[in-house]
């Protein structure tokens, strides 16, 4: 299987695309951080027994007054900024991936039902989607978080609520085109149930655009989660999040303690940048109109 992949046109084009290689490398780094993050740092920044207030606001190791033990400095609680970023990256990335999977599952299911059955079901689902699209995603997420409270599970609910629409509309449009094709008509003549036709024939043929949407949406969700946490309505302060790190550092940003917010911000930027680079490559590869 690996030999087949290495000989494929996809891999050949990937090797010739510098942006795709850079994006893939960035994503690979973050996969390692998510999988092995706690093993990469000595301090658990959210274990109070490992913190020392005497180490608060130490600058990065290369600046005067820096401590080689803390490469990127410390914050007001004496937490290692590098360790905090690694722990926060794990949470932010996992939230983005989990919310994307939930949005894709719900949106794809509703899109298939709307496109295949049509009628009132289609009208209801699409009108709900149109209503939701008339409001900014961030505004809807803020409203939901203010209603249900803070917490990782609440953030997942809010992100799923704003993310399912794009899948539903995309799948619905693709399904409308697929059900008119001969292979679907043949399946109906053969006596297959609607459920089997959807699972075996329609679904596999509408998945391609969803791969691109899902890839880019992970970056979007990471940004939304960071924004919610920055505003104080996302992840609780007792749990790591890049948005919370930026918020905590922003309070002292203009006091010269720039490293407490700049480095977490750069981490978010790098994550979204890598995801978007790879997403652009997937869009070009999986869209036959661009070839």
C-alpha atoms as a PDB file:
ATOM      1  CA  UNK A   1       0.000   0.000   0.000  1.00  0.00           C
ATOM      2  CA  UNK A   2       2.840   2.360   0.845  1.00  0.00           C
ATOM      3  CA  UNK A   3       4.505   1.629  -2.499  1.00  0.00           C
ATOM      4  CA  UNK A   4       1.256   2.418  -4.277  1.00  0.00           C
ATOM      5  CA  UNK A   5       1.006   5.748  -2.469  1.00  0.00           C
ATOM      6  CA  UNK A   6       4.641   6.655  -3.216  1.00  0.00           C
ATOM      7  CA  UNK A   7       4.017   5.921  -6.911  1.00  0.00           C
ATOM      8  CA  UNK A   8       0.767   7.905  -7.020  1.00  0.00           C
ATOM      9  CA  UNK A   9       0.204  11.190  -8.823  1.00  0.00           C
ATOM     10  CA  UNK A  10      -0.841  12.758  -5.515  1.00  0.00           C
ATOM     11  CA  UNK A  11       2.543  12.068  -3.920  1.00  0.00           C
ATOM     12  CA  UNK A  12       4.355  13.185  -7.059  1.00  0.00           C
ATOM     13  CA  UNK A  13       2.537  16.533  -7.029  1.00  0.00           C
ATOM     14  CA  UNK A  14       3.081  16.890  -3.279  1.00  0.00           C
ATOM     15  CA  UNK A  15       6.852  16.537  -3.710  1.00  0.00           C
ATOM     16  CA  UNK A  16       6.840  19.284  -6.321  1.00  0.00           C
ATOM     17  CA  UNK A  17       4.797  21.698  -4.203  1.00  0.00           C
ATOM     18  CA  UNK A  18       6.897  23.617  -1.673  1.00  0.00           C
ATOM     19  CA  UNK A  19       3.864  25.057   0.109  1.00  0.00           C
ATOM     20  CA  UNK A  20       2.408  21.581   0.592  1.00  0.00           C
ATOM     21  CA  UNK A  21       5.686  20.293   2.009  1.00  0.00           C
ATOM     22  CA  UNK A  22       5.958  23.223   4.446  1.00  0.00           C
ATOM     23  CA  UNK A  23       2.338  22.814   5.496  1.00  0.00           C
ATOM     24  CA  UNK A  24       2.779  19.074   5.990  1.00  0.00           C
ATOM     25  CA  UNK A  25       5.922  19.635   8.062  1.00  0.00           C
ATOM     26  CA  UNK A  26       4.149  22.129  10.312  1.00  0.00           C
ATOM     27  CA  UNK A  27       1.204  19.778  10.772  1.00  0.00           C
ATOM     28  CA  UNK A  28       3.588  16.902  11.564  1.00  0.00           C
ATOM     29  CA  UNK A  29       5.230  18.992  14.293  1.00  0.00           C
ATOM     30  CA  UNK A  30       1.880  19.711  15.886  1.00  0.00           C
ATOM     31  CA  UNK A  31       0.889  16.043  15.689  1.00  0.00           C
ATOM     32  CA  UNK A  32       4.028  15.229  17.678  1.00  0.00           C
ATOM     33  CA  UNK A  33       3.176  17.954  20.202  1.00  0.00           C
ATOM     34  CA  UNK A  34      -0.372  16.666  20.623  1.00  0.00           C
ATOM     35  CA  UNK A  35       0.785  13.058  21.005  1.00  0.00           C
ATOM     36  CA  UNK A  36       3.884  13.516  23.137  1.00  0.00           C
ATOM     37  CA  UNK A  37       3.632  17.065  24.518  1.00  0.00           C
ATOM     38  CA  UNK A  38       3.912  16.312  28.260  1.00  0.00           C
ATOM     39  CA  UNK A  39       7.020  14.204  27.632  1.00  0.00           C
ATOM     40  CA  UNK A  40       8.775  17.143  25.960  1.00  0.00           C
ATOM     41  CA  UNK A  41       8.822  19.486  28.976  1.00  0.00           C
ATOM     42  CA  UNK A  42       9.829  19.038  32.604  1.00  0.00           C
ATOM     43  CA  UNK A  43       7.080  21.178  34.142  1.00  0.00           C
ATOM     44  CA  UNK A  44       3.345  20.665  34.183  1.00  0.00           C
ATOM     45  CA  UNK A  45       2.279  24.329  34.182  1.00  0.00           C
ATOM     46  CA  UNK A  46      -1.149  23.438  35.584  1.00  0.00           C
ATOM     47  CA  UNK A  47       0.173  21.493  38.586  1.00  0.00           C
ATOM     48  CA  UNK A  48       0.325  24.052  41.399  1.00  0.00           C
ATOM     49  CA  UNK A  49       2.894  22.010  43.291  1.00  0.00           C
ATOM     50  CA  UNK A  50       5.410  22.603  40.476  1.00  0.00           C
ATOM     51  CA  UNK A  51       5.042  26.389  40.375  1.00  0.00           C
ATOM     52  CA  UNK A  52       7.159  28.960  42.183  1.00  0.00           C
ATOM     53  CA  UNK A  53       6.037  32.591  42.280  1.00  0.00           C
ATOM     54  CA  UNK A  54       9.665  33.633  42.681  1.00  0.00           C
ATOM     55  CA  UNK A  55      10.139  32.598  39.037  1.00  0.00           C
ATOM     56  CA  UNK A  56       7.340  34.849  37.764  1.00  0.00           C
ATOM     57  CA  UNK A  57       7.907  36.990  34.670  1.00  0.00           C
ATOM     58  CA  UNK A  58      11.383  35.738  33.890  1.00  0.00           C
ATOM     59  CA  UNK A  59      12.367  36.827  30.349  1.00  0.00           C
ATOM     60  CA  UNK A  60      13.376  34.344  27.634  1.00  0.00           C
ATOM     61  CA  UNK A  61      16.691  32.601  28.190  1.00  0.00           C
ATOM     62  CA  UNK A  62      18.583  34.723  25.620  1.00  0.00           C
ATOM     63  CA  UNK A  63      17.641  38.052  27.245  1.00  0.00           C
ATOM     64  CA  UNK A  64      19.318  39.643  30.285  1.00  0.00           C
ATOM     65  CA  UNK A  65      17.908  38.106  33.442  1.00  0.00           C
ATOM     66  CA  UNK A  66      16.716  35.004  31.595  1.00  0.00           C
ATOM     67  CA  UNK A  67      16.977  31.519  33.017  1.00  0.00           C
ATOM     68  CA  UNK A  68      18.214  28.670  30.768  1.00  0.00           C
ATOM     69  CA  UNK A  69      15.604  26.493  32.447  1.00  0.00           C
ATOM     70  CA  UNK A  70      12.862  28.577  30.821  1.00  0.00           C
ATOM     71  CA  UNK A  71      13.666  29.049  27.136  1.00  0.00           C
ATOM     72  CA  UNK A  72      10.688  31.281  26.438  1.00  0.00           C
ATOM     73  CA  UNK A  73      10.432  32.828  29.904  1.00  0.00           C
ATOM     74  CA  UNK A  74       7.681  32.521  32.496  1.00  0.00           C
ATOM     75  CA  UNK A  75       4.343  34.168  33.216  1.00  0.00           C
ATOM     76  CA  UNK A  76       2.910  35.794  36.341  1.00  0.00           C
ATOM     77  CA  UNK A  77       2.404  32.442  38.111  1.00  0.00           C
ATOM     78  CA  UNK A  78       5.914  31.240  37.376  1.00  0.00           C
ATOM     79  CA  UNK A  79       4.726  28.871  34.666  1.00  0.00           C
ATOM     80  CA  UNK A  80       7.145  27.968  31.910  1.00  0.00           C
ATOM     81  CA  UNK A  81       5.776  29.679  28.786  1.00  0.00           C
ATOM     82  CA  UNK A  82       7.068  26.892  26.530  1.00  0.00           C
ATOM     83  CA  UNK A  83       5.392  24.225  28.659  1.00  0.00           C
ATOM     84  CA  UNK A  84       2.187  26.269  28.781  1.00  0.00           C
ATOM     85  CA  UNK A  85       2.214  26.624  24.990  1.00  0.00           C
ATOM     86  CA  UNK A  86       2.686  22.867  24.503  1.00  0.00           C
ATOM     87  CA  UNK A  87      -0.145  22.011  26.887  1.00  0.00           C
ATOM     88  CA  UNK A  88      -2.341  24.726  25.382  1.00  0.00           C
ATOM     89  CA  UNK A  89      -1.601  23.565  21.854  1.00  0.00           C
ATOM     90  CA  UNK A  90      -2.752  20.046  22.725  1.00  0.00           C
ATOM     91  CA  UNK A  91      -6.087  21.323  24.016  1.00  0.00           C
ATOM     92  CA  UNK A  92      -6.662  23.797  21.168  1.00  0.00           C
ATOM     93  CA  UNK A  93      -5.768  21.248  18.482  1.00  0.00           C
ATOM     94  CA  UNK A  94      -7.909  18.492  20.001  1.00  0.00           C
ATOM     95  CA  UNK A  95     -10.872  20.872  20.303  1.00  0.00           C
ATOM     96  CA  UNK A  96     -10.462  21.904  16.664  1.00  0.00           C
ATOM     97  CA  UNK A  97     -10.263  18.302  15.429  1.00  0.00           C
ATOM     98  CA  UNK A  98     -13.126  17.027  17.610  1.00  0.00           C
ATOM     99  CA  UNK A  99     -15.409  19.916  16.629  1.00  0.00           C
ATOM    100  CA  UNK A 100     -14.590  19.348  12.960  1.00  0.00           C
ATOM    101  CA  UNK A 101     -15.489  15.656  13.204  1.00  0.00           C
ATOM    102  CA  UNK A 102     -18.785  16.412  14.965  1.00  0.00           C
ATOM    103  CA  UNK A 103     -19.657  19.141  12.458  1.00  0.00           C
ATOM    104  CA  UNK A 104     -18.802  16.877   9.535  1.00  0.00           C
ATOM    105  CA  UNK A 105     -20.889  13.992  10.875  1.00  0.00           C
ATOM    106  CA  UNK A 106     -23.965  16.103  11.571  1.00  0.00           C
ATOM    107  CA  UNK A 107     -23.699  18.291   8.484  1.00  0.00           C
ATOM    108  CA  UNK A 108     -23.041  15.379   6.121  1.00  0.00           C
ATOM    109  CA  UNK A 109     -25.981  13.420   7.500  1.00  0.00           C
ATOM    110  CA  UNK A 110     -28.380  16.352   7.185  1.00  0.00           C
ATOM    111  CA  UNK A 111     -27.065  17.217   3.720  1.00  0.00           C
ATOM    112  CA  UNK A 112     -27.583  13.648   2.495  1.00  0.00           C
ATOM    113  CA  UNK A 113     -31.121  13.535   3.869  1.00  0.00           C
ATOM    114  CA  UNK A 114     -32.000  16.940   2.426  1.00  0.00           C
ATOM    115  CA  UNK A 115     -30.592  16.185  -1.024  1.00  0.00           C
ATOM    116  CA  UNK A 116     -31.864  12.610  -1.300  1.00  0.00           C
ATOM    117  CA  UNK A 117     -35.402  13.006   0.026  1.00  0.00           C
ATOM    118  CA  UNK A 118     -36.037  16.660  -0.854  1.00  0.00           C
ATOM    119  CA  UNK A 119     -39.462  18.102  -0.146  1.00  0.00           C
ATOM    120  CA  UNK A 120     -40.284  19.565   3.242  1.00  0.00           C
ATOM    121  CA  UNK A 121     -37.272  17.973   4.909  1.00  0.00           C
ATOM    122  CA  UNK A 122     -34.972  19.690   2.435  1.00  0.00           C
ATOM    123  CA  UNK A 123     -36.792  22.999   2.868  1.00  0.00           C
ATOM    124  CA  UNK A 124     -36.602  22.902   6.681  1.00  0.00           C
ATOM    125  CA  UNK A 125     -32.899  21.982   6.831  1.00  0.00           C
ATOM    126  CA  UNK A 126     -31.871  24.534   4.230  1.00  0.00           C
ATOM    127  CA  UNK A 127     -33.929  27.343   5.770  1.00  0.00           C
ATOM    128  CA  UNK A 128     -32.267  26.678   9.127  1.00  0.00           C
ATOM    129  CA  UNK A 129     -28.909  26.760   7.371  1.00  0.00           C
ATOM    130  CA  UNK A 130     -29.779  30.014   5.588  1.00  0.00           C
ATOM    131  CA  UNK A 131     -30.892  31.580   8.871  1.00  0.00           C
ATOM    132  CA  UNK A 132     -27.680  30.587  10.589  1.00  0.00           C
ATOM    133  CA  UNK A 133     -25.538  31.885   7.725  1.00  0.00           C
ATOM    134  CA  UNK A 134     -27.160  35.305   8.120  1.00  0.00           C
ATOM    135  CA  UNK A 135     -25.250  35.729  11.399  1.00  0.00           C
ATOM    136  CA  UNK A 136     -21.459  35.749  11.885  1.00  0.00           C
ATOM    137  CA  UNK A 137     -20.146  32.447  13.247  1.00  0.00           C
ATOM    138  CA  UNK A 138     -18.332  34.197  16.080  1.00  0.00           C
ATOM    139  CA  UNK A 139     -21.538  35.934  17.184  1.00  0.00           C
ATOM    140  CA  UNK A 140     -23.440  32.633  17.294  1.00  0.00           C
ATOM    141  CA  UNK A 141     -20.626  30.978  19.255  1.00  0.00           C
ATOM    142  CA  UNK A 142     -20.532  33.865  21.742  1.00  0.00           C
ATOM    143  CA  UNK A 143     -24.281  33.666  22.240  1.00  0.00           C
ATOM    144  CA  UNK A 144     -24.199  29.918  22.835  1.00  0.00           C
ATOM    145  CA  UNK A 145     -21.263  30.118  25.252  1.00  0.00           C
ATOM    146  CA  UNK A 146     -22.945  32.869  27.235  1.00  0.00           C
ATOM    147  CA  UNK A 147     -26.050  30.683  27.444  1.00  0.00           C
ATOM    148  CA  UNK A 148     -24.488  27.333  28.404  1.00  0.00           C
ATOM    149  CA  UNK A 149     -21.367  28.489  30.281  1.00  0.00           C
ATOM    150  CA  UNK A 150     -17.664  27.732  29.897  1.00  0.00           C
ATOM    151  CA  UNK A 151     -15.961  24.373  29.456  1.00  0.00           C
ATOM    152  CA  UNK A 152     -14.347  22.270  26.762  1.00  0.00           C
ATOM    153  CA  UNK A 153     -17.569  20.346  26.168  1.00  0.00           C
ATOM    154  CA  UNK A 154     -19.493  23.621  25.816  1.00  0.00           C
ATOM    155  CA  UNK A 155     -16.928  24.913  23.313  1.00  0.00           C
ATOM    156  CA  UNK A 156     -17.358  21.723  21.269  1.00  0.00           C
ATOM    157  CA  UNK A 157     -21.122  22.221  21.222  1.00  0.00           C
ATOM    158  CA  UNK A 158     -20.761  25.849  20.118  1.00  0.00           C
ATOM    159  CA  UNK A 159     -18.245  25.059  17.372  1.00  0.00           C
ATOM    160  CA  UNK A 160     -20.342  22.160  16.091  1.00  0.00           C
ATOM    161  CA  UNK A 161     -23.406  24.395  16.008  1.00  0.00           C
ATOM    162  CA  UNK A 162     -21.636  26.917  13.759  1.00  0.00           C
ATOM    163  CA  UNK A 163     -19.713  24.389  11.656  1.00  0.00           C
ATOM    164  CA  UNK A 164     -22.289  21.892  10.389  1.00  0.00           C
ATOM    165  CA  UNK A 165     -23.851  24.280   7.856  1.00  0.00           C
ATOM    166  CA  UNK A 166     -21.027  24.279   5.313  1.00  0.00           C
ATOM    167  CA  UNK A 167     -21.050  20.467   5.171  1.00  0.00           C
ATOM    168  CA  UNK A 168     -24.829  20.287   4.864  1.00  0.00           C
ATOM    169  CA  UNK A 169     -24.987  22.738   1.984  1.00  0.00           C
ATOM    170  CA  UNK A 170     -22.056  21.165   0.144  1.00  0.00           C
ATOM    171  CA  UNK A 171     -23.304  17.600   0.539  1.00  0.00           C
ATOM    172  CA  UNK A 172     -26.863  18.555  -0.347  1.00  0.00           C
ATOM    173  CA  UNK A 173     -25.722  20.148  -3.626  1.00  0.00           C
ATOM    174  CA  UNK A 174     -23.547  17.160  -4.519  1.00  0.00           C
ATOM    175  CA  UNK A 175     -26.304  14.708  -3.618  1.00  0.00           C
ATOM    176  CA  UNK A 176     -28.793  16.442  -5.894  1.00  0.00           C
ATOM    177  CA  UNK A 177     -26.396  15.829  -8.780  1.00  0.00           C
ATOM    178  CA  UNK A 178     -25.616  12.226  -7.831  1.00  0.00           C
ATOM    179  CA  UNK A 179     -29.196  10.957  -7.459  1.00  0.00           C
ATOM    180  CA  UNK A 180     -29.919  11.762 -11.104  1.00  0.00           C
ATOM    181  CA  UNK A 181     -27.084   9.579 -12.365  1.00  0.00           C
ATOM    182  CA  UNK A 182     -27.615   6.152 -13.875  1.00  0.00           C
ATOM    183  CA  UNK A 183     -25.891   4.130 -11.162  1.00  0.00           C
ATOM    184  CA  UNK A 184     -28.369   5.413  -8.545  1.00  0.00           C
ATOM    185  CA  UNK A 185     -31.307   4.640 -10.813  1.00  0.00           C
ATOM    186  CA  UNK A 186     -29.890   1.158 -11.386  1.00  0.00           C
ATOM    187  CA  UNK A 187     -29.563   0.615  -7.628  1.00  0.00           C
ATOM    188  CA  UNK A 188     -33.211   1.539  -7.187  1.00  0.00           C
ATOM    189  CA  UNK A 189     -34.271  -0.850  -9.930  1.00  0.00           C
ATOM    190  CA  UNK A 190     -32.198  -3.575  -8.247  1.00  0.00           C
ATOM    191  CA  UNK A 191     -34.351  -3.137  -5.141  1.00  0.00           C
ATOM    192  CA  UNK A 192     -31.813  -1.566  -2.769  1.00  0.00           C
ATOM    193  CA  UNK A 193     -33.298   0.412   0.096  1.00  0.00           C
ATOM    194  CA  UNK A 194     -32.779   4.150   0.308  1.00  0.00           C
ATOM    195  CA  UNK A 195     -30.430   3.693   3.249  1.00  0.00           C
ATOM    196  CA  UNK A 196     -28.178   1.305   1.308  1.00  0.00           C
ATOM    197  CA  UNK A 197     -28.204   3.565  -1.756  1.00  0.00           C
ATOM    198  CA  UNK A 198     -27.125   6.528   0.365  1.00  0.00           C
ATOM    199  CA  UNK A 199     -24.379   4.600   2.200  1.00  0.00           C
ATOM    200  CA  UNK A 200     -22.994   2.549  -0.686  1.00  0.00           C
ATOM    201  CA  UNK A 201     -23.420   4.820  -3.685  1.00  0.00           C
ATOM    202  CA  UNK A 202     -24.153   8.458  -2.851  1.00  0.00           C
ATOM    203  CA  UNK A 203     -21.958   9.035   0.219  1.00  0.00           C
ATOM    204  CA  UNK A 204     -18.644   7.823  -1.309  1.00  0.00           C
ATOM    205  CA  UNK A 205     -19.170  10.156  -4.272  1.00  0.00           C
ATOM    206  CA  UNK A 206     -19.771  13.312  -2.231  1.00  0.00           C
ATOM    207  CA  UNK A 207     -16.835  12.948   0.194  1.00  0.00           C
ATOM    208  CA  UNK A 208     -14.099  14.559  -1.904  1.00  0.00           C
ATOM    209  CA  UNK A 209     -14.967  18.244  -1.283  1.00  0.00           C
ATOM    210  CA  UNK A 210     -15.514  17.488   2.395  1.00  0.00           C
ATOM    211  CA  UNK A 211     -11.852  16.576   2.843  1.00  0.00           C
ATOM    212  CA  UNK A 212     -10.785  20.103   1.894  1.00  0.00           C
ATOM    213  CA  UNK A 213     -13.508  21.713   4.008  1.00  0.00           C
ATOM    214  CA  UNK A 214     -12.579  19.602   7.039  1.00  0.00           C
ATOM    215  CA  UNK A 215      -8.885  20.421   6.751  1.00  0.00           C
ATOM    216  CA  UNK A 216      -9.393  24.177   6.604  1.00  0.00           C
ATOM    217  CA  UNK A 217     -12.129  24.109   9.243  1.00  0.00           C
ATOM    218  CA  UNK A 218      -9.746  22.756  11.875  1.00  0.00           C
ATOM    219  CA  UNK A 219      -7.737  25.984  11.591  1.00  0.00           C
ATOM    220  CA  UNK A 220     -10.905  28.070  11.713  1.00  0.00           C
ATOM    221  CA  UNK A 221     -12.087  26.304  14.856  1.00  0.00           C
ATOM    222  CA  UNK A 222      -8.716  26.798  16.535  1.00  0.00           C
ATOM    223  CA  UNK A 223      -9.035  30.537  15.915  1.00  0.00           C
ATOM    224  CA  UNK A 224     -12.634  30.667  17.174  1.00  0.00           C
ATOM    225  CA  UNK A 225     -11.758  28.689  20.312  1.00  0.00           C
ATOM    226  CA  UNK A 226      -8.809  30.984  20.992  1.00  0.00           C
ATOM    227  CA  UNK A 227     -11.048  34.026  20.535  1.00  0.00           C
ATOM    228  CA  UNK A 228     -13.683  32.642  22.910  1.00  0.00           C
ATOM    229  CA  UNK A 229     -11.062  31.831  25.534  1.00  0.00           C
ATOM    230  CA  UNK A 230      -9.479  35.256  25.095  1.00  0.00           C
ATOM    231  CA  UNK A 231     -12.873  36.827  25.788  1.00  0.00           C
ATOM    232  CA  UNK A 232     -13.296  34.679  28.896  1.00  0.00           C
ATOM    233  CA  UNK A 233     -16.203  32.540  27.673  1.00  0.00           C
ATOM    234  CA  UNK A 234     -14.312  29.530  26.306  1.00  0.00           C
ATOM    235  CA  UNK A 235     -12.021  27.138  28.131  1.00  0.00           C
ATOM    236  CA  UNK A 236     -11.962  27.686  31.942  1.00  0.00           C
ATOM    237  CA  UNK A 237      -8.886  29.301  33.472  1.00  0.00           C
ATOM    238  CA  UNK A 238      -8.041  26.031  35.214  1.00  0.00           C
ATOM    239  CA  UNK A 239      -7.378  24.324  31.872  1.00  0.00           C
ATOM    240  CA  UNK A 240      -4.694  25.117  29.272  1.00  0.00           C
ATOM    241  CA  UNK A 241      -5.601  27.017  26.121  1.00  0.00           C
ATOM    242  CA  UNK A 242      -3.618  29.219  23.778  1.00  0.00           C
ATOM    243  CA  UNK A 243      -6.381  31.819  23.868  1.00  0.00           C
ATOM    244  CA  UNK A 244      -6.140  32.029  27.657  1.00  0.00           C
ATOM    245  CA  UNK A 245      -2.367  32.363  27.477  1.00  0.00           C
ATOM    246  CA  UNK A 246      -2.712  35.302  25.098  1.00  0.00           C
ATOM    247  CA  UNK A 247      -5.324  36.888  27.337  1.00  0.00           C
ATOM    248  CA  UNK A 248      -3.145  36.554  30.430  1.00  0.00           C
ATOM    249  CA  UNK A 249      -0.175  37.994  28.581  1.00  0.00           C
ATOM    250  CA  UNK A 250      -2.193  40.808  27.016  1.00  0.00           C
ATOM    251  CA  UNK A 251      -2.851  42.282  30.461  1.00  0.00           C
ATOM    252  CA  UNK A 252       0.892  42.965  30.871  1.00  0.00           C
ATOM    253  CA  UNK A 253       1.829  43.325  27.195  1.00  0.00           C
ATOM    254  CA  UNK A 254       2.508  47.062  27.425  1.00  0.00           C
ATOM    255  CA  UNK A 255       4.613  46.618  30.572  1.00  0.00           C
ATOM    256  CA  UNK A 256       7.429  45.122  28.523  1.00  0.00           C
ATOM    257  CA  UNK A 257       6.488  41.515  29.344  1.00  0.00           C
ATOM    258  CA  UNK A 258       5.741  40.765  25.703  1.00  0.00           C
ATOM    259  CA  UNK A 259       6.796  37.107  25.675  1.00  0.00           C
ATOM    260  CA  UNK A 260       3.778  35.962  27.715  1.00  0.00           C
ATOM    261  CA  UNK A 261       1.394  36.717  24.850  1.00  0.00           C
ATOM    262  CA  UNK A 262       3.559  36.943  21.720  1.00  0.00           C
ATOM    263  CA  UNK A 263       4.780  33.337  21.750  1.00  0.00           C
ATOM    264  CA  UNK A 264       1.309  31.772  22.209  1.00  0.00           C
ATOM    265  CA  UNK A 265       0.068  34.051  19.415  1.00  0.00           C
ATOM    266  CA  UNK A 266       2.868  32.888  17.133  1.00  0.00           C
ATOM    267  CA  UNK A 267       1.958  29.286  17.892  1.00  0.00           C
ATOM    268  CA  UNK A 268      -1.647  29.825  16.811  1.00  0.00           C
ATOM    269  CA  UNK A 269      -0.454  31.622  13.684  1.00  0.00           C
ATOM    270  CA  UNK A 270       1.902  28.743  12.807  1.00  0.00           C
ATOM    271  CA  UNK A 271      -0.823  26.125  13.293  1.00  0.00           C
ATOM    272  CA  UNK A 272      -3.379  27.895  11.133  1.00  0.00           C
ATOM    273  CA  UNK A 273      -0.740  28.773   8.526  1.00  0.00           C
ATOM    274  CA  UNK A 274       0.349  25.148   8.151  1.00  0.00           C
ATOM    275  CA  UNK A 275      -3.222  23.871   7.972  1.00  0.00           C
ATOM    276  CA  UNK A 276      -4.165  26.440   5.330  1.00  0.00           C
ATOM    277  CA  UNK A 277      -1.106  25.649   3.211  1.00  0.00           C
ATOM    278  CA  UNK A 278      -1.940  21.957   3.182  1.00  0.00           C
ATOM    279  CA  UNK A 279      -5.632  22.716   2.657  1.00  0.00           C
ATOM    280  CA  UNK A 280      -4.844  24.782  -0.426  1.00  0.00           C
ATOM    281  CA  UNK A 281      -2.848  21.877  -1.844  1.00  0.00           C
ATOM    282  CA  UNK A 282      -5.708  19.463  -1.196  1.00  0.00           C
ATOM    283  CA  UNK A 283      -8.156  21.863  -2.834  1.00  0.00           C
ATOM    284  CA  UNK A 284      -6.043  21.984  -5.981  1.00  0.00           C
ATOM    285  CA  UNK A 285      -5.516  18.213  -6.062  1.00  0.00           C
ATOM    286  CA  UNK A 286      -9.076  17.144  -5.353  1.00  0.00           C
ATOM    287  CA  UNK A 287     -10.874  19.680  -7.554  1.00  0.00           C
ATOM    288  CA  UNK A 288     -10.839  18.417 -11.156  1.00  0.00           C
ATOM    289  CA  UNK A 289     -11.851  21.847 -12.442  1.00  0.00           C
ATOM    290  CA  UNK A 290      -8.490  23.257 -11.317  1.00  0.00           C
ATOM    291  CA  UNK A 291      -6.421  20.677 -13.197  1.00  0.00           C
END
